[in-house]
Amino acid sequence: AEQEWHYLLPVVQANLNQTPAASLTSKSPMELFTALNLTTPLDVVVVGMKKELRESDWTVKDIPKNLDKLRASLKVMHKEVLEKNATRAAKATEKYESSAMIMCLGPTSTNVTIPSCS
C-alpha cells in the first residue's frame, strides 16, 4: 500500500483544498468560486457505502492515537479487499480450469479445447 500512495495523494490534496477555511467564513474556496454545495473528490470514493461515516477530533494531543486507529482501519479494509479479490480470482480460475478438455482421438491425434478468456 505504501508503494501506491502517489495515486491517492492528488485526491487527498484536492480534498484538503476543498476544506472550509475560517478566513473564508467557514466556506471552501471551490464553494465560493462556483456557488455550489461543498463536495470533495473523496465523496466519489464513498458513494454507495452503507456504513456510517465518523468524524474524528484531530487535536494535537490526539493525533498519534487517531493515526494509529486510522492505520488499523485501513489495514482491515485492505485485507478485506485482498480477500475478495483472491476469492474472485479463485472462482475465475476454477471456472476456466474445469472447462479445459483434452480428447484422445486415436494413437496419432489429440483434440485440445481451451476456453477463451473473453
C-alpha atoms as a PDB file:
ATOM      1  CA  ALA A   1       0.000   0.000   0.000  1.00  0.00           C
ATOM      2  CA  GLU A   2       2.857   2.403   0.739  1.00  0.00           C
ATOM      3  CA  GLN A   3       4.144   1.967  -2.818  1.00  0.00           C
ATOM      4  CA  GLU A   4       0.818   3.164  -4.296  1.00  0.00           C
ATOM      5  CA  TRP A   5       0.483   6.298  -2.190  1.00  0.00           C
ATOM      6  CA  HIS A   6       1.322   8.531  -5.162  1.00  0.00           C
ATOM      7  CA  TYR A   7      -2.001   7.524  -6.770  1.00  0.00           C
ATOM      8  CA  LEU A   8      -4.027   8.634  -3.756  1.00  0.00           C
ATOM      9  CA  LEU A   9      -2.013  11.733  -2.865  1.00  0.00           C
ATOM     10  CA  PRO A  10      -3.620  14.033  -5.505  1.00  0.00           C
ATOM     11  CA  VAL A  11      -7.081  13.066  -4.248  1.00  0.00           C
ATOM     12  CA  VAL A  12      -6.079  13.766  -0.656  1.00  0.00           C
ATOM     13  CA  GLN A  13      -4.520  17.100  -1.658  1.00  0.00           C
ATOM     14  CA  ALA A  14      -7.621  18.104  -3.622  1.00  0.00           C
ATOM     15  CA  ASN A  15      -9.738  17.136  -0.622  1.00  0.00           C
ATOM     16  CA  LEU A  16      -7.625  19.328   1.645  1.00  0.00           C
ATOM     17  CA  ASN A  17      -8.019  22.198  -0.817  1.00  0.00           C
ATOM     18  CA  GLN A  18     -11.794  21.807  -0.520  1.00  0.00           C
ATOM     19  CA  THR A  19     -11.709  22.119   3.254  1.00  0.00           C
ATOM     20  CA  PRO A  20     -13.672  25.059   4.670  1.00  0.00           C
ATOM     21  CA  ALA A  21     -11.388  27.786   5.991  1.00  0.00           C
ATOM     22  CA  ALA A  22     -12.056  30.152   8.889  1.00  0.00           C
ATOM     23  CA  SER A  23     -10.699  33.038   6.801  1.00  0.00           C
ATOM     24  CA  LEU A  24     -13.422  32.356   4.203  1.00  0.00           C
ATOM     25  CA  THR A  25     -16.243  32.357   6.772  1.00  0.00           C
ATOM     26  CA  SER A  26     -16.083  28.564   7.023  1.00  0.00           C
ATOM     27  CA  LYS A  27     -16.509  28.080   3.275  1.00  0.00           C
ATOM     28  CA  SER A  28     -14.199  26.232   0.909  1.00  0.00           C
ATOM     29  CA  PRO A  29     -12.531  28.043  -1.994  1.00  0.00           C
ATOM     30  CA  MET A  30     -14.415  25.904  -4.531  1.00  0.00           C
ATOM     31  CA  GLU A  31     -17.723  26.591  -2.813  1.00  0.00           C
ATOM     32  CA  LEU A  32     -17.107  30.338  -3.110  1.00  0.00           C
ATOM     33  CA  PHE A  33     -15.915  30.197  -6.733  1.00  0.00           C
ATOM     34  CA  THR A  34     -18.742  28.022  -8.032  1.00  0.00           C
ATOM     35  CA  ALA A  35     -21.561  28.776  -5.549  1.00  0.00           C
ATOM     36  CA  LEU A  36     -22.241  25.026  -5.498  1.00  0.00           C
ATOM     37  CA  ASN A  37     -22.709  22.895  -2.404  1.00  0.00           C
ATOM     38  CA  LEU A  38     -19.499  21.624  -0.902  1.00  0.00           C
ATOM     39  CA  THR A  39     -18.303  18.344  -2.412  1.00  0.00           C
ATOM     40  CA  THR A  40     -14.883  16.763  -2.385  1.00  0.00           C
ATOM     41  CA  PRO A  41     -13.107  14.190  -4.561  1.00  0.00           C
ATOM     42  CA  LEU A  42     -13.422  11.751  -1.659  1.00  0.00           C
ATOM     43  CA  ASP A  43     -17.222  11.912  -1.990  1.00  0.00           C
ATOM     44  CA  VAL A  44     -16.768   9.775  -5.102  1.00  0.00           C
ATOM     45  CA  VAL A  45     -14.870   7.154  -3.108  1.00  0.00           C
ATOM     46  CA  VAL A  46     -17.608   6.641  -0.519  1.00  0.00           C
ATOM     47  CA  VAL A  47     -20.685   6.876  -2.771  1.00  0.00           C
ATOM     48  CA  GLY A  48     -22.851   3.831  -2.246  1.00  0.00           C
ATOM     49  CA  MET A  49     -21.315   2.910   1.086  1.00  0.00           C
ATOM     50  CA  LYS A  50     -23.826   1.703   3.591  1.00  0.00           C
ATOM     51  CA  LYS A  51     -21.504   2.190   6.531  1.00  0.00           C
ATOM     52  CA  GLU A  52     -21.785   5.158   8.824  1.00  0.00           C
ATOM     53  CA  LEU A  53     -19.002   7.709   8.435  1.00  0.00           C
ATOM     54  CA  ARG A  54     -17.477   9.127  11.594  1.00  0.00           C
ATOM     55  CA  GLU A  55     -15.670  12.376  12.274  1.00  0.00           C
ATOM     56  CA  SER A  56     -12.514  12.474  14.370  1.00  0.00           C
ATOM     57  CA  ASP A  57     -11.400  15.251  16.668  1.00  0.00           C
ATOM     58  CA  TRP A  58      -7.882  15.977  15.440  1.00  0.00           C
ATOM     59  CA  THR A  59      -6.476  17.971  18.343  1.00  0.00           C
ATOM     60  CA  VAL A  60      -2.695  17.932  18.583  1.00  0.00           C
ATOM     61  CA  LYS A  61      -2.582  15.578  21.576  1.00  0.00           C
ATOM     62  CA  ASP A  62      -4.902  13.064  19.856  1.00  0.00           C
ATOM     63  CA  ILE A  63      -3.078  12.904  16.508  1.00  0.00           C
ATOM     64  CA  PRO A  64      -0.895   9.835  17.298  1.00  0.00           C
ATOM     65  CA  LYS A  65      -3.868   7.890  18.701  1.00  0.00           C
ATOM     66  CA  ASN A  66      -6.113   8.855  15.761  1.00  0.00           C
ATOM     67  CA  LEU A  67      -3.409   7.970  13.238  1.00  0.00           C
ATOM     68  CA  ASP A  68      -2.973   4.550  14.836  1.00  0.00           C
ATOM     69  CA  LYS A  69      -6.742   3.950  14.680  1.00  0.00           C
ATOM     70  CA  LEU A  70      -6.843   5.121  11.058  1.00  0.00           C
ATOM     71  CA  ARG A  71      -3.921   2.875  10.088  1.00  0.00           C
ATOM     72  CA  ALA A  72      -5.569  -0.124  11.767  1.00  0.00           C
ATOM     73  CA  SER A  73      -8.858   0.593   9.997  1.00  0.00           C
ATOM     74  CA  LEU A  74      -7.132   0.921   6.614  1.00  0.00           C
ATOM     75  CA  LYS A  75      -5.242  -2.328   7.248  1.00  0.00           C
ATOM     76  CA  VAL A  76      -8.530  -4.169   7.921  1.00  0.00           C
ATOM     77  CA  MET A  77     -10.123  -2.619   4.820  1.00  0.00           C
ATOM     78  CA  HIS A  78      -7.100  -3.544   2.683  1.00  0.00           C
ATOM     79  CA  LYS A  79      -7.239  -7.139   3.971  1.00  0.00           C
ATOM     80  CA  GLU A  80     -10.959  -7.384   3.078  1.00  0.00           C
ATOM     81  CA  VAL A  81     -10.268  -6.138  -0.451  1.00  0.00           C
ATOM     82  CA  LEU A  82      -7.416  -8.631  -0.920  1.00  0.00           C
ATOM     83  CA  GLU A  83      -9.598 -11.491   0.335  1.00  0.00           C
ATOM     84  CA  LYS A  84     -12.445 -10.562  -2.038  1.00  0.00           C
ATOM     85  CA  ASN A  85     -10.016 -10.300  -4.957  1.00  0.00           C
ATOM     86  CA  ALA A  86      -8.493 -13.684  -4.100  1.00  0.00           C
ATOM     87  CA  THR A  87     -11.951 -15.275  -3.886  1.00  0.00           C
ATOM     88  CA  ARG A  88     -12.945 -13.766  -7.222  1.00  0.00           C
ATOM     89  CA  ALA A  89      -9.695 -14.917  -8.859  1.00  0.00           C
ATOM     90  CA  ALA A  90     -10.079 -18.441  -7.451  1.00  0.00           C
ATOM     91  CA  LYS A  91     -13.625 -18.699  -8.826  1.00  0.00           C
ATOM     92  CA  ALA A  92     -12.480 -17.499 -12.251  1.00  0.00           C
ATOM     93  CA  THR A  93      -9.549 -19.930 -12.282  1.00  0.00           C
ATOM     94  CA  GLU A  94     -11.781 -22.807 -11.198  1.00  0.00           C
ATOM     95  CA  LYS A  95     -14.311 -21.995 -13.910  1.00  0.00           C
ATOM     96  CA  TYR A  96     -11.748 -21.954 -16.712  1.00  0.00           C
ATOM     97  CA  GLU A  97      -9.684 -24.898 -15.459  1.00  0.00           C
ATOM     98  CA  SER A  98     -12.733 -27.144 -15.277  1.00  0.00           C
ATOM     99  CA  SER A  99     -13.751 -26.291 -18.843  1.00  0.00           C
ATOM    100  CA  ALA A 100     -10.405 -27.162 -20.466  1.00  0.00           C
ATOM    101  CA  MET A 101     -10.711 -30.565 -22.120  1.00  0.00           C
ATOM    102  CA  ILE A 102      -8.351 -32.952 -23.895  1.00  0.00           C
ATOM    103  CA  MET A 103      -9.800 -35.711 -26.047  1.00  0.00           C
ATOM    104  CA  CYS A 104      -7.716 -38.558 -27.367  1.00  0.00           C
ATOM    105  CA  LEU A 105      -8.945 -39.352 -30.858  1.00  0.00           C
ATOM    106  CA  GLY A 106      -6.505 -42.113 -31.608  1.00  0.00           C
ATOM    107  CA  PRO A 107      -2.864 -43.066 -31.399  1.00  0.00           C
ATOM    108  CA  THR A 108      -1.686 -40.111 -33.528  1.00  0.00           C
ATOM    109  CA  SER A 109      -4.072 -37.183 -32.941  1.00  0.00           C
ATOM    110  CA  THR A 110      -5.302 -35.203 -29.966  1.00  0.00           C
ATOM    111  CA  ASN A 111      -8.049 -32.601 -29.786  1.00  0.00           C
ATOM    112  CA  VAL A 112      -7.412 -29.905 -27.155  1.00  0.00           C
ATOM    113  CA  THR A 113     -10.171 -27.469 -26.258  1.00  0.00           C
ATOM    114  CA  ILE A 114      -9.158 -24.409 -24.243  1.00  0.00           C
ATOM    115  CA  PRO A 115     -11.812 -21.807 -23.466  1.00  0.00           C
ATOM    116  CA  SER A 116     -11.190 -18.230 -24.483  1.00  0.00           C
ATOM    117  CA  CYS A 117     -10.870 -15.632 -21.755  1.00  0.00           C
ATOM    118  CA  SER A 118     -13.186 -13.181 -23.485  1.00  0.00           C
END
